[in-house]
Amino acid sequence: MKIIVVGGGEIGSRLTKFLSEEKHDVVLVEADEELCQVLADNLNAMIIHGDGTKPDVLEEAGIKKADALVAVTSKDETNLLICLVAREMSKIRMITRTTKEEYKKIFLKIGVNSIVSPETSTVEQLEAMITEPDVADLTIMHKGLVELMEFEVKEKSGVVNKFITKIEFPKESLVVAIKRMGKFIIPQEKERLKIGDRVIIVVKKELEKKLKNMFKS
């Protein structure tokens, strides 16, 4: 199998080593240039220095022909963005790690196939999730309870030019990302919504109408 691993920390490097020894074709993407050199000296795999949230980096890693992508950076938000970008580019099987329980629903809604905890997962378990097609697809969890919705910010929308933290979104909703000029960004505290932005929100079904009204022009 051709597998892309994003994140060259302890989990990513151990997984890459294990998969390579199992004769898989592995590409490891890591943003830290010095760490890339260390990984290149110690792993029998292709190492790419780059930001795994960038489409051109995933393109270089061969996402269009890969069988699976594993996002195991140390930041849940980065892993989320990697998976969002990957889903835009391919129907690739995705596995990720998260330390936050509340993020699991979000990962599942964007099509992540398996979620692991860095505290309890082993490289053998990760390898099984990647290579065994009969592993239970976790997207069945929470099915129907929440929606992943996308809203466009228009000229007369009530949220235009407002800081994301100043907008009174429903309590049981979460802004996952903003798609701006074809690129995904994780919203920061001082992020202001602009005309043309597409805001991706996880929300309970019963609150869908309220959100639609907020973005209504």
N, C-alpha and C. Protein backbone atom coordinates (compact mmCIF):
# COMPACT_ATOMS: atom_id res chain seq x y z
N MET A 1 0.83 -1.20 0.00
CA MET A 1 0.00 0.00 0.00
C MET A 1 0.87 1.25 0.00
N LYS A 2 0.34 2.31 -0.59
CA LYS A 2 1.01 3.61 -0.53
C LYS A 2 0.35 4.43 0.57
N ILE A 3 1.13 4.86 1.55
CA ILE A 3 0.58 5.51 2.73
C ILE A 3 1.33 6.82 2.98
N ILE A 4 0.58 7.87 3.26
CA ILE A 4 1.16 9.16 3.62
C ILE A 4 0.99 9.37 5.12
N VAL A 5 2.08 9.63 5.81
CA VAL A 5 2.04 9.95 7.23
C VAL A 5 2.42 11.42 7.38
N VAL A 6 1.58 12.20 8.04
CA VAL A 6 1.88 13.62 8.26
C VAL A 6 2.16 13.82 9.74
N GLY A 7 3.37 14.24 10.04
CA GLY A 7 3.80 14.41 11.43
C GLY A 7 4.92 13.45 11.75
N GLY A 8 6.12 13.99 11.97
CA GLY A 8 7.28 13.14 12.19
C GLY A 8 7.70 13.02 13.64
N GLY A 9 6.75 13.24 14.56
CA GLY A 9 7.06 13.07 15.98
C GLY A 9 7.19 11.61 16.34
N GLU A 10 7.04 11.31 17.62
CA GLU A 10 7.24 9.93 18.08
C GLU A 10 6.29 8.95 17.39
N ILE A 11 5.00 9.29 17.34
CA ILE A 11 4.03 8.39 16.73
C ILE A 11 4.29 8.24 15.24
N GLY A 12 4.45 9.38 14.56
CA GLY A 12 4.64 9.35 13.12
C GLY A 12 5.91 8.62 12.69
N SER A 13 6.99 8.85 13.40
CA SER A 13 8.26 8.20 13.03
C SER A 13 8.21 6.70 13.31
N ARG A 14 7.64 6.32 14.45
CA ARG A 14 7.53 4.89 14.77
C ARG A 14 6.62 4.19 13.77
N LEU A 15 5.52 4.84 13.43
CA LEU A 15 4.59 4.24 12.47
C LEU A 15 5.24 4.09 11.10
N THR A 16 5.97 5.11 10.67
CA THR A 16 6.65 5.06 9.38
C THR A 16 7.67 3.92 9.34
N LYS A 17 8.42 3.78 10.40
CA LYS A 17 9.41 2.69 10.50
C LYS A 17 8.72 1.34 10.42
N PHE A 18 7.64 1.18 11.18
CA PHE A 18 6.90 -0.09 11.21
C PHE A 18 6.32 -0.42 9.84
N LEU A 19 5.69 0.56 9.20
CA LEU A 19 5.06 0.34 7.89
C LEU A 19 6.11 0.03 6.83
N SER A 20 7.24 0.70 6.89
CA SER A 20 8.32 0.44 5.93
C SER A 20 8.84 -0.97 6.08
N GLU A 21 9.00 -1.40 7.33
CA GLU A 21 9.47 -2.77 7.57
C GLU A 21 8.46 -3.81 7.10
N GLU A 22 7.18 -3.41 7.04
CA GLU A 22 6.14 -4.30 6.53
C GLU A 22 6.01 -4.20 5.01
N LYS A 23 6.96 -3.52 4.39
CA LYS A 23 7.07 -3.41 2.93
C LYS A 23 6.01 -2.52 2.29
N HIS A 24 5.47 -1.57 3.05
CA HIS A 24 4.56 -0.59 2.47
C HIS A 24 5.37 0.57 1.90
N ASP A 25 4.78 1.25 0.92
CA ASP A 25 5.40 2.43 0.32
C ASP A 25 4.96 3.64 1.14
N VAL A 26 5.87 4.19 1.95
CA VAL A 26 5.49 5.24 2.90
C VAL A 26 6.18 6.56 2.57
N VAL A 27 5.38 7.63 2.63
CA VAL A 27 5.90 8.99 2.50
C VAL A 27 5.59 9.72 3.80
N LEU A 28 6.62 10.30 4.42
CA LEU A 28 6.44 11.03 5.68
C LEU A 28 6.60 12.53 5.43
N VAL A 29 5.60 13.30 5.83
CA VAL A 29 5.63 14.76 5.68
C VAL A 29 5.85 15.39 7.04
N GLU A 30 6.84 16.27 7.13
CA GLU A 30 7.16 16.92 8.41
C GLU A 30 7.54 18.38 8.15
N ALA A 31 7.03 19.29 9.00
CA ALA A 31 7.25 20.72 8.79
C ALA A 31 8.60 21.21 9.32
N ASP A 32 9.17 20.50 10.26
CA ASP A 32 10.43 20.91 10.87
C ASP A 32 11.61 20.41 10.03
N GLU A 33 12.39 21.34 9.49
CA GLU A 33 13.47 20.96 8.56
C GLU A 33 14.56 20.13 9.24
N GLU A 34 14.94 20.50 10.46
CA GLU A 34 15.98 19.75 11.17
C GLU A 34 15.51 18.33 11.49
N LEU A 35 14.27 18.22 11.90
CA LEU A 35 13.73 16.89 12.19
C LEU A 35 13.68 16.04 10.92
N CYS A 36 13.39 16.67 9.80
CA CYS A 36 13.37 15.94 8.52
C CYS A 36 14.72 15.28 8.24
N GLN A 37 15.80 15.99 8.55
CA GLN A 37 17.13 15.44 8.31
C GLN A 37 17.38 14.24 9.21
N VAL A 38 16.96 14.34 10.46
CA VAL A 38 17.11 13.22 11.40
C VAL A 38 16.31 12.02 10.91
N LEU A 39 15.08 12.27 10.47
CA LEU A 39 14.21 11.19 9.98
C LEU A 39 14.79 10.54 8.74
N ALA A 40 15.32 11.37 7.84
CA ALA A 40 15.90 10.84 6.60
C ALA A 40 17.09 9.93 6.89
N ASP A 41 17.85 10.25 7.95
CA ASP A 41 19.01 9.45 8.31
C ASP A 41 18.63 8.13 8.99
N ASN A 42 17.41 8.06 9.52
CA ASN A 42 17.05 6.90 10.33
C ASN A 42 15.90 6.05 9.79
N LEU A 43 15.23 6.54 8.75
CA LEU A 43 14.07 5.81 8.24
C LEU A 43 14.25 5.44 6.77
N ASN A 44 13.73 4.29 6.42
CA ASN A 44 13.76 3.84 5.03
C ASN A 44 12.46 4.25 4.35
N ALA A 45 12.29 5.57 4.20
CA ALA A 45 11.06 6.09 3.62
C ALA A 45 11.36 7.44 2.98
N MET A 46 10.50 7.87 2.09
CA MET A 46 10.64 9.19 1.49
C MET A 46 10.20 10.25 2.51
N ILE A 47 11.05 11.24 2.75
CA ILE A 47 10.75 12.29 3.71
C ILE A 47 10.56 13.61 2.94
N ILE A 48 9.44 14.26 3.18
CA ILE A 48 9.17 15.55 2.54
C ILE A 48 9.11 16.64 3.60
N HIS A 49 9.91 17.67 3.41
CA HIS A 49 9.85 18.82 4.31
C HIS A 49 8.76 19.76 3.81
N GLY A 50 7.71 19.93 4.60
CA GLY A 50 6.62 20.80 4.17
C GLY A 50 5.46 20.79 5.14
N ASP A 51 4.54 21.69 4.90
CA ASP A 51 3.34 21.86 5.72
C ASP A 51 2.23 20.96 5.16
N GLY A 52 1.85 19.96 5.93
CA GLY A 52 0.85 18.99 5.47
C GLY A 52 -0.55 19.55 5.30
N THR A 53 -0.77 20.81 5.70
CA THR A 53 -2.08 21.44 5.46
C THR A 53 -2.13 22.10 4.09
N LYS A 54 -1.03 22.10 3.36
CA LYS A 54 -0.97 22.75 2.06
C LYS A 54 -1.21 21.73 0.94
N PRO A 55 -2.14 22.03 0.03
CA PRO A 55 -2.44 21.09 -1.07
C PRO A 55 -1.23 20.71 -1.91
N ASP A 56 -0.33 21.67 -2.16
CA ASP A 56 0.82 21.34 -3.01
C ASP A 56 1.77 20.34 -2.34
N VAL A 57 1.82 20.40 -1.01
CA VAL A 57 2.67 19.44 -0.28
C VAL A 57 2.06 18.05 -0.34
N LEU A 58 0.74 17.97 -0.14
CA LEU A 58 0.06 16.67 -0.24
C LEU A 58 0.12 16.13 -1.67
N GLU A 59 0.09 17.05 -2.63
CA GLU A 59 0.22 16.65 -4.03
C GLU A 59 1.59 16.03 -4.27
N GLU A 60 2.62 16.67 -3.73
CA GLU A 60 3.98 16.14 -3.86
C GLU A 60 4.11 14.78 -3.19
N ALA A 61 3.38 14.60 -2.10
CA ALA A 61 3.44 13.32 -1.37
C ALA A 61 2.70 12.22 -2.11
N GLY A 62 1.93 12.58 -3.14
CA GLY A 62 1.25 11.58 -3.96
C GLY A 62 -0.13 11.22 -3.49
N ILE A 63 -0.88 12.21 -2.97
CA ILE A 63 -2.19 11.91 -2.40
C ILE A 63 -3.17 11.33 -3.42
N LYS A 64 -3.02 11.70 -4.68
CA LYS A 64 -3.96 11.22 -5.69
C LYS A 64 -3.84 9.70 -5.93
N LYS A 65 -2.68 9.14 -5.60
CA LYS A 65 -2.47 7.71 -5.82
C LYS A 65 -2.31 6.92 -4.52
N ALA A 66 -2.37 7.62 -3.40
CA ALA A 66 -2.16 6.95 -2.11
C ALA A 66 -3.42 6.22 -1.66
N ASP A 67 -3.22 5.20 -0.85
CA ASP A 67 -4.34 4.42 -0.32
C ASP A 67 -4.84 4.97 1.01
N ALA A 68 -3.95 5.59 1.78
CA ALA A 68 -4.34 6.07 3.11
C ALA A 68 -3.48 7.24 3.52
N LEU A 69 -4.06 8.10 4.36
CA LEU A 69 -3.35 9.22 4.95
C LEU A 69 -3.52 9.16 6.46
N VAL A 70 -2.41 9.33 7.19
CA VAL A 70 -2.44 9.30 8.65
C VAL A 70 -1.95 10.65 9.16
N ALA A 71 -2.83 11.41 9.83
CA ALA A 71 -2.47 12.72 10.36
C ALA A 71 -2.18 12.58 11.85
N VAL A 72 -0.90 12.65 12.21
CA VAL A 72 -0.50 12.42 13.61
C VAL A 72 0.45 13.51 14.09
N THR A 73 0.14 14.76 13.75
CA THR A 73 0.92 15.86 14.33
C THR A 73 0.50 16.01 15.78
N SER A 74 1.19 16.87 16.52
CA SER A 74 0.91 17.03 17.95
C SER A 74 -0.29 17.93 18.23
N LYS A 75 -0.83 18.57 17.18
CA LYS A 75 -1.95 19.50 17.37
C LYS A 75 -3.22 18.98 16.70
N ASP A 76 -4.30 18.86 17.46
CA ASP A 76 -5.57 18.40 16.92
C ASP A 76 -6.06 19.29 15.79
N GLU A 77 -5.89 20.61 15.95
CA GLU A 77 -6.37 21.55 14.94
C GLU A 77 -5.63 21.37 13.62
N THR A 78 -4.34 21.09 13.71
CA THR A 78 -3.57 20.85 12.49
C THR A 78 -4.01 19.56 11.82
N ASN A 79 -4.24 18.53 12.61
CA ASN A 79 -4.71 17.26 12.05
C ASN A 79 -6.06 17.44 11.37
N LEU A 80 -6.92 18.25 11.98
CA LEU A 80 -8.24 18.52 11.40
C LEU A 80 -8.10 19.20 10.05
N LEU A 81 -7.24 20.20 9.98
CA LEU A 81 -7.05 20.94 8.74
C LEU A 81 -6.44 20.05 7.66
N ILE A 82 -5.51 19.19 8.05
CA ILE A 82 -4.91 18.24 7.10
C ILE A 82 -6.00 17.36 6.48
N CYS A 83 -6.89 16.87 7.33
CA CYS A 83 -7.96 15.98 6.85
C CYS A 83 -8.96 16.72 5.97
N LEU A 84 -9.26 17.96 6.30
CA LEU A 84 -10.17 18.76 5.47
C LEU A 84 -9.58 18.97 4.08
N VAL A 85 -8.31 19.33 4.04
CA VAL A 85 -7.64 19.55 2.75
C VAL A 85 -7.55 18.24 1.97
N ALA A 86 -7.20 17.17 2.65
CA ALA A 86 -7.08 15.86 1.99
C ALA A 86 -8.41 15.42 1.40
N ARG A 87 -9.51 15.67 2.13
CA ARG A 87 -10.82 15.27 1.64
C ARG A 87 -11.22 16.06 0.40
N GLU A 88 -10.77 17.31 0.31
CA GLU A 88 -11.04 18.12 -0.88
C GLU A 88 -10.31 17.56 -2.10
N MET A 89 -9.17 16.92 -1.86
CA MET A 89 -8.31 16.47 -2.95
C MET A 89 -8.54 15.03 -3.36
N SER A 90 -9.07 14.21 -2.44
CA SER A 90 -9.12 12.77 -2.70
C SER A 90 -10.15 12.09 -1.80
N LYS A 91 -10.53 10.89 -2.18
CA LYS A 91 -11.41 10.05 -1.34
C LYS A 91 -10.57 9.07 -0.52
N ILE A 92 -9.36 9.46 -0.24
CA ILE A 92 -8.39 8.63 0.48
C ILE A 92 -8.92 8.21 1.85
N ARG A 93 -8.51 7.03 2.29
CA ARG A 93 -8.84 6.59 3.65
C ARG A 93 -8.01 7.42 4.63
N MET A 94 -8.65 7.95 5.69
CA MET A 94 -7.97 8.84 6.62
C MET A 94 -8.02 8.31 8.05
N ILE A 95 -6.89 8.37 8.70
CA ILE A 95 -6.77 8.01 10.11
C ILE A 95 -6.11 9.20 10.81
N THR A 96 -6.58 9.56 11.98
CA THR A 96 -5.98 10.68 12.68
C THR A 96 -5.94 10.43 14.17
N ARG A 97 -5.21 11.28 14.86
CA ARG A 97 -5.14 11.21 16.32
C ARG A 97 -5.77 12.47 16.90
N THR A 98 -6.36 12.32 18.06
CA THR A 98 -6.90 13.49 18.76
C THR A 98 -6.81 13.26 20.26
N THR A 99 -6.60 14.33 20.98
CA THR A 99 -6.57 14.26 22.43
C THR A 99 -7.85 14.81 23.05
N LYS A 100 -8.72 15.37 22.19
CA LYS A 100 -9.91 16.04 22.68
C LYS A 100 -11.18 15.26 22.28
N GLU A 101 -11.92 14.86 23.27
CA GLU A 101 -13.13 14.09 23.04
C GLU A 101 -14.11 14.82 22.14
N GLU A 102 -14.23 16.14 22.33
CA GLU A 102 -15.20 16.90 21.56
C GLU A 102 -14.86 16.99 20.07
N TYR A 103 -13.60 16.70 19.72
CA TYR A 103 -13.20 16.77 18.32
C TYR A 103 -13.59 15.51 17.55
N LYS A 104 -13.88 14.44 18.24
CA LYS A 104 -14.15 13.18 17.55
C LYS A 104 -15.33 13.29 16.58
N LYS A 105 -16.41 13.92 17.02
CA LYS A 105 -17.58 14.07 16.16
C LYS A 105 -17.23 14.84 14.89
N ILE A 106 -16.37 15.84 15.05
CA ILE A 106 -16.00 16.67 13.90
C ILE A 106 -15.20 15.84 12.90
N PHE A 107 -14.21 15.11 13.40
CA PHE A 107 -13.41 14.27 12.50
C PHE A 107 -14.30 13.27 11.76
N LEU A 108 -15.25 12.69 12.46
CA LEU A 108 -16.12 11.71 11.84
C LEU A 108 -16.99 12.33 10.76
N LYS A 109 -17.48 13.52 11.01
CA LYS A 109 -18.35 14.18 10.06
C LYS A 109 -17.63 14.59 8.78
N ILE A 110 -16.33 14.84 8.83
CA ILE A 110 -15.61 15.20 7.62
C ILE A 110 -15.08 13.98 6.88
N GLY A 111 -15.39 12.79 7.41
CA GLY A 111 -15.06 11.58 6.67
C GLY A 111 -13.83 10.84 7.12
N VAL A 112 -13.30 11.18 8.31
CA VAL A 112 -12.17 10.42 8.83
C VAL A 112 -12.65 9.02 9.19
N ASN A 113 -11.91 8.02 8.78
CA ASN A 113 -12.34 6.63 8.96
C ASN A 113 -12.06 6.09 10.35
N SER A 114 -10.93 6.48 10.93
CA SER A 114 -10.57 5.96 12.24
C SER A 114 -9.88 7.04 13.05
N ILE A 115 -10.16 7.05 14.36
CA ILE A 115 -9.58 8.02 15.27
C ILE A 115 -8.86 7.27 16.38
N VAL A 116 -7.66 7.74 16.71
CA VAL A 116 -6.89 7.06 17.76
C VAL A 116 -6.50 8.04 18.84
N SER A 117 -6.27 7.51 20.02
CA SER A 117 -5.75 8.29 21.14
C SER A 117 -4.26 8.05 21.23
N PRO A 118 -3.46 9.10 21.31
CA PRO A 118 -2.00 8.91 21.39
C PRO A 118 -1.56 8.18 22.65
N GLU A 119 -2.40 8.22 23.67
CA GLU A 119 -2.05 7.57 24.93
C GLU A 119 -2.23 6.05 24.88
N THR A 120 -3.17 5.58 24.07
CA THR A 120 -3.51 4.16 24.09
C THR A 120 -3.18 3.41 22.81
N SER A 121 -2.91 4.12 21.73
CA SER A 121 -2.70 3.45 20.45
C SER A 121 -1.28 2.92 20.32
N THR A 122 -1.15 1.83 19.58
CA THR A 122 0.15 1.27 19.25
C THR A 122 0.31 1.32 17.75
N VAL A 123 1.54 1.19 17.27
CA VAL A 123 1.76 1.22 15.83
C VAL A 123 1.09 0.02 15.16
N GLU A 124 0.99 -1.09 15.87
CA GLU A 124 0.34 -2.27 15.31
C GLU A 124 -1.15 -2.00 15.10
N GLN A 125 -1.78 -1.31 16.07
CA GLN A 125 -3.20 -0.97 15.94
C GLN A 125 -3.41 0.00 14.79
N LEU A 126 -2.52 0.97 14.68
CA LEU A 126 -2.62 1.94 13.59
C LEU A 126 -2.47 1.24 12.24
N GLU A 127 -1.52 0.32 12.16
CA GLU A 127 -1.30 -0.40 10.91
C GLU A 127 -2.54 -1.19 10.52
N ALA A 128 -3.21 -1.78 11.51
CA ALA A 128 -4.44 -2.53 11.24
C ALA A 128 -5.54 -1.62 10.71
N MET A 129 -5.66 -0.43 11.29
CA MET A 129 -6.67 0.52 10.83
C MET A 129 -6.42 0.96 9.39
N ILE A 130 -5.14 1.05 9.03
CA ILE A 130 -4.77 1.50 7.69
C ILE A 130 -4.98 0.41 6.65
N THR A 131 -4.56 -0.79 6.96
CA THR A 131 -4.46 -1.83 5.94
C THR A 131 -5.62 -2.80 5.89
N GLU A 132 -6.45 -2.86 6.95
CA GLU A 132 -7.54 -3.83 6.96
C GLU A 132 -8.86 -3.16 6.60
N PRO A 133 -9.39 -3.45 5.42
CA PRO A 133 -10.61 -2.78 4.97
C PRO A 133 -11.84 -3.16 5.77
N ASP A 134 -11.78 -4.25 6.53
CA ASP A 134 -12.94 -4.68 7.29
C ASP A 134 -12.99 -4.08 8.69
N VAL A 135 -11.99 -3.21 9.01
CA VAL A 135 -12.04 -2.52 10.30
C VAL A 135 -13.28 -1.63 10.32
N ALA A 136 -14.02 -1.64 11.42
CA ALA A 136 -15.27 -0.89 11.50
C ALA A 136 -15.06 0.56 11.13
N ASP A 137 -15.93 1.06 10.26
CA ASP A 137 -15.88 2.45 9.85
C ASP A 137 -16.56 3.30 10.91
N LEU A 138 -15.79 4.14 11.55
CA LEU A 138 -16.32 4.90 12.69
C LEU A 138 -17.28 6.01 12.29
N THR A 139 -17.44 6.24 10.99
CA THR A 139 -18.35 7.32 10.59
C THR A 139 -19.80 6.99 10.92
N ILE A 140 -20.10 5.75 11.29
CA ILE A 140 -21.47 5.42 11.66
C ILE A 140 -21.81 6.01 13.03
N MET A 141 -20.79 6.35 13.81
CA MET A 141 -21.04 6.92 15.12
C MET A 141 -21.64 8.32 14.97
N HIS A 142 -22.57 8.64 15.83
CA HIS A 142 -23.20 9.96 15.87
C HIS A 142 -23.97 10.28 14.59
N LYS A 143 -24.22 9.28 13.77
CA LYS A 143 -24.91 9.52 12.52
C LYS A 143 -26.28 10.13 12.77
N GLY A 144 -26.53 11.22 12.11
CA GLY A 144 -27.83 11.85 12.23
C GLY A 144 -27.95 12.81 13.39
N LEU A 145 -27.00 12.84 14.30
CA LEU A 145 -27.12 13.71 15.47
C LEU A 145 -26.59 15.11 15.19
N VAL A 146 -25.54 15.19 14.39
CA VAL A 146 -24.97 16.49 14.07
C VAL A 146 -24.80 16.61 12.56
N GLU A 147 -24.69 17.84 12.11
CA GLU A 147 -24.49 18.12 10.70
C GLU A 147 -23.20 18.92 10.53
N LEU A 148 -22.50 18.66 9.47
CA LEU A 148 -21.37 19.49 9.08
C LEU A 148 -21.88 20.40 7.98
N MET A 149 -22.01 21.68 8.27
CA MET A 149 -22.64 22.60 7.33
C MET A 149 -21.65 23.67 6.87
N GLU A 150 -21.91 24.19 5.69
CA GLU A 150 -21.04 25.21 5.11
C GLU A 150 -21.90 26.40 4.72
N PHE A 151 -21.53 27.58 5.22
CA PHE A 151 -22.29 28.80 4.95
C PHE A 151 -21.40 29.83 4.28
N GLU A 152 -21.94 30.52 3.30
CA GLU A 152 -21.19 31.57 2.62
C GLU A 152 -21.48 32.92 3.25
N VAL A 153 -20.43 33.69 3.47
CA VAL A 153 -20.59 35.05 3.99
C VAL A 153 -20.83 35.98 2.81
N LYS A 154 -22.02 36.56 2.75
CA LYS A 154 -22.37 37.45 1.64
C LYS A 154 -22.34 38.91 2.10
N GLU A 155 -22.49 39.80 1.14
CA GLU A 155 -22.34 41.23 1.41
C GLU A 155 -23.26 41.72 2.52
N LYS A 156 -24.48 41.18 2.58
CA LYS A 156 -25.45 41.65 3.56
C LYS A 156 -25.69 40.64 4.69
N SER A 157 -24.80 39.65 4.80
CA SER A 157 -24.93 38.69 5.90
C SER A 157 -24.71 39.39 7.23
N GLY A 158 -25.40 38.91 8.25
CA GLY A 158 -25.27 39.52 9.57
C GLY A 158 -23.91 39.33 10.20
N VAL A 159 -23.10 38.43 9.66
CA VAL A 159 -21.80 38.14 10.28
C VAL A 159 -20.63 38.79 9.54
N VAL A 160 -20.89 39.46 8.44
CA VAL A 160 -19.81 40.00 7.63
C VAL A 160 -19.00 41.04 8.42
N ASN A 161 -17.69 40.96 8.29
CA ASN A 161 -16.73 41.86 8.93
C ASN A 161 -16.69 41.75 10.46
N LYS A 162 -17.31 40.74 11.02
CA LYS A 162 -17.29 40.56 12.47
C LYS A 162 -16.18 39.59 12.87
N PHE A 163 -15.59 39.84 14.05
CA PHE A 163 -14.62 38.89 14.58
C PHE A 163 -15.34 37.61 14.97
N ILE A 164 -14.70 36.49 14.72
CA ILE A 164 -15.32 35.19 14.95
C ILE A 164 -15.75 35.03 16.41
N THR A 165 -14.98 35.61 17.34
CA THR A 165 -15.30 35.47 18.76
C THR A 165 -16.42 36.39 19.20
N LYS A 166 -16.79 37.36 18.36
CA LYS A 166 -17.85 38.30 18.70
C LYS A 166 -19.21 37.88 18.15
N ILE A 167 -19.21 36.81 17.38
CA ILE A 167 -20.46 36.33 16.79
C ILE A 167 -21.12 35.35 17.76
N GLU A 168 -22.37 35.53 18.03
CA GLU A 168 -23.08 34.69 19.00
C GLU A 168 -23.63 33.44 18.33
N PHE A 169 -22.72 32.51 18.03
CA PHE A 169 -23.14 31.23 17.48
C PHE A 169 -23.87 30.44 18.57
N PRO A 170 -24.79 29.54 18.17
CA PRO A 170 -25.44 28.68 19.17
C PRO A 170 -24.41 27.93 19.99
N LYS A 171 -24.69 27.74 21.28
CA LYS A 171 -23.74 27.08 22.17
C LYS A 171 -23.38 25.68 21.70
N GLU A 172 -24.34 24.97 21.13
CA GLU A 172 -24.08 23.60 20.69
C GLU A 172 -23.69 23.56 19.22
N SER A 173 -22.77 24.44 18.86
CA SER A 173 -22.20 24.46 17.51
C SER A 173 -20.73 24.80 17.63
N LEU A 174 -19.96 24.47 16.61
CA LEU A 174 -18.52 24.72 16.64
C LEU A 174 -18.04 25.08 15.24
N VAL A 175 -17.38 26.23 15.13
CA VAL A 175 -16.78 26.63 13.86
C VAL A 175 -15.51 25.83 13.66
N VAL A 176 -15.49 25.00 12.65
CA VAL A 176 -14.36 24.09 12.40
C VAL A 176 -13.27 24.77 11.59
N ALA A 177 -13.68 25.46 10.52
CA ALA A 177 -12.70 26.06 9.63
C ALA A 177 -13.36 27.12 8.76
N ILE A 178 -12.53 27.93 8.14
CA ILE A 178 -12.98 28.91 7.16
C ILE A 178 -12.27 28.60 5.85
N LYS A 179 -13.05 28.53 4.78
CA LYS A 179 -12.46 28.32 3.46
C LYS A 179 -12.43 29.66 2.76
N ARG A 180 -11.21 30.15 2.51
CA ARG A 180 -11.03 31.48 1.93
C ARG A 180 -10.12 31.40 0.71
N MET A 181 -10.66 31.79 -0.42
CA MET A 181 -9.90 31.77 -1.68
C MET A 181 -9.28 30.40 -1.94
N GLY A 182 -10.07 29.35 -1.67
CA GLY A 182 -9.65 27.99 -1.97
C GLY A 182 -8.77 27.35 -0.92
N LYS A 183 -8.48 28.07 0.17
CA LYS A 183 -7.61 27.53 1.22
C LYS A 183 -8.38 27.44 2.54
N PHE A 184 -8.09 26.38 3.30
CA PHE A 184 -8.70 26.22 4.61
C PHE A 184 -7.83 26.90 5.67
N ILE A 185 -8.48 27.58 6.61
CA ILE A 185 -7.75 28.13 7.75
C ILE A 185 -8.52 27.80 9.03
N ILE A 186 -7.77 27.57 10.10
CA ILE A 186 -8.37 27.37 11.41
C ILE A 186 -8.63 28.75 12.00
N PRO A 187 -9.87 29.08 12.35
CA PRO A 187 -10.17 30.44 12.84
C PRO A 187 -9.49 30.75 14.17
N GLN A 188 -8.81 31.87 14.20
CA GLN A 188 -8.16 32.34 15.41
C GLN A 188 -9.04 33.39 16.09
N GLU A 189 -8.64 33.78 17.29
CA GLU A 189 -9.46 34.69 18.10
C GLU A 189 -9.76 36.00 17.38
N LYS A 190 -8.79 36.53 16.62
CA LYS A 190 -8.98 37.82 15.97
C LYS A 190 -9.30 37.68 14.48
N GLU A 191 -9.82 36.51 14.11
CA GLU A 191 -10.18 36.28 12.71
C GLU A 191 -11.49 36.99 12.40
N ARG A 192 -11.49 37.82 11.36
CA ARG A 192 -12.69 38.55 10.95
C ARG A 192 -13.25 37.91 9.67
N LEU A 193 -14.56 37.67 9.64
CA LEU A 193 -15.17 37.05 8.47
C LEU A 193 -15.29 38.06 7.33
N LYS A 194 -14.93 37.59 6.14
CA LYS A 194 -14.94 38.45 4.96
C LYS A 194 -15.97 37.96 3.95
N ILE A 195 -16.40 38.87 3.10
CA ILE A 195 -17.33 38.51 2.03
C ILE A 195 -16.69 37.42 1.17
N GLY A 196 -17.42 36.36 0.91
CA GLY A 196 -16.91 35.26 0.10
C GLY A 196 -16.36 34.11 0.91
N ASP A 197 -16.12 34.35 2.20
CA ASP A 197 -15.68 33.24 3.07
C ASP A 197 -16.75 32.17 3.12
N ARG A 198 -16.31 30.91 3.22
CA ARG A 198 -17.24 29.82 3.45
C ARG A 198 -16.89 29.23 4.82
N VAL A 199 -17.84 29.33 5.74
CA VAL A 199 -17.62 28.95 7.13
C VAL A 199 -18.17 27.55 7.36
N ILE A 200 -17.31 26.65 7.84
CA ILE A 200 -17.68 25.25 8.06
C ILE A 200 -17.96 25.06 9.55
N ILE A 201 -19.18 24.61 9.85
CA ILE A 201 -19.64 24.54 11.23
C ILE A 201 -20.26 23.17 11.51
N VAL A 202 -19.91 22.60 12.66
CA VAL A 202 -20.60 21.40 13.14
C VAL A 202 -21.70 21.86 14.07
N VAL A 203 -22.92 21.38 13.83
CA VAL A 203 -24.06 21.86 14.60
C VAL A 203 -25.11 20.76 14.75
N LYS A 204 -25.82 20.78 15.85
CA LYS A 204 -26.93 19.86 16.02
C LYS A 204 -28.03 20.20 15.01
N LYS A 205 -28.71 19.17 14.53
CA LYS A 205 -29.69 19.37 13.47
C LYS A 205 -30.75 20.41 13.81
N GLU A 206 -31.17 20.41 15.07
CA GLU A 206 -32.26 21.30 15.45
C GLU A 206 -31.86 22.77 15.44
N LEU A 207 -30.53 23.05 15.34
CA LEU A 207 -30.07 24.43 15.31
C LEU A 207 -29.72 24.91 13.90
N GLU A 208 -29.96 24.04 12.94
CA GLU A 208 -29.60 24.35 11.55
C GLU A 208 -30.28 25.62 11.05
N LYS A 209 -31.56 25.77 11.34
CA LYS A 209 -32.32 26.92 10.85
C LYS A 209 -31.79 28.22 11.42
N LYS A 210 -31.43 28.20 12.73
CA LYS A 210 -30.91 29.40 13.38
C LYS A 210 -29.63 29.87 12.70
N LEU A 211 -28.75 28.92 12.36
CA LEU A 211 -27.50 29.29 11.70
C LEU A 211 -27.76 29.85 10.30
N LYS A 212 -28.67 29.24 9.59
CA LYS A 212 -29.00 29.73 8.25
C LYS A 212 -29.46 31.19 8.30
N ASN A 213 -30.23 31.51 9.32
CA ASN A 213 -30.71 32.90 9.47
C ASN A 213 -29.58 33.87 9.75
N MET A 214 -28.55 33.40 10.47
CA MET A 214 -27.41 34.25 10.80
C MET A 214 -26.63 34.64 9.54
N PHE A 215 -26.57 33.73 8.57
CA PHE A 215 -25.81 33.99 7.36
C PHE A 215 -26.68 34.52 6.22
N LYS A 216 -27.97 34.62 6.48
CA LYS A 216 -28.91 35.06 5.45
C LYS A 216 -28.63 36.50 5.06
N SER A 217 -28.63 36.76 3.76
CA SER A 217 -28.35 38.13 3.29
C SER A 217 -29.65 38.91 3.09
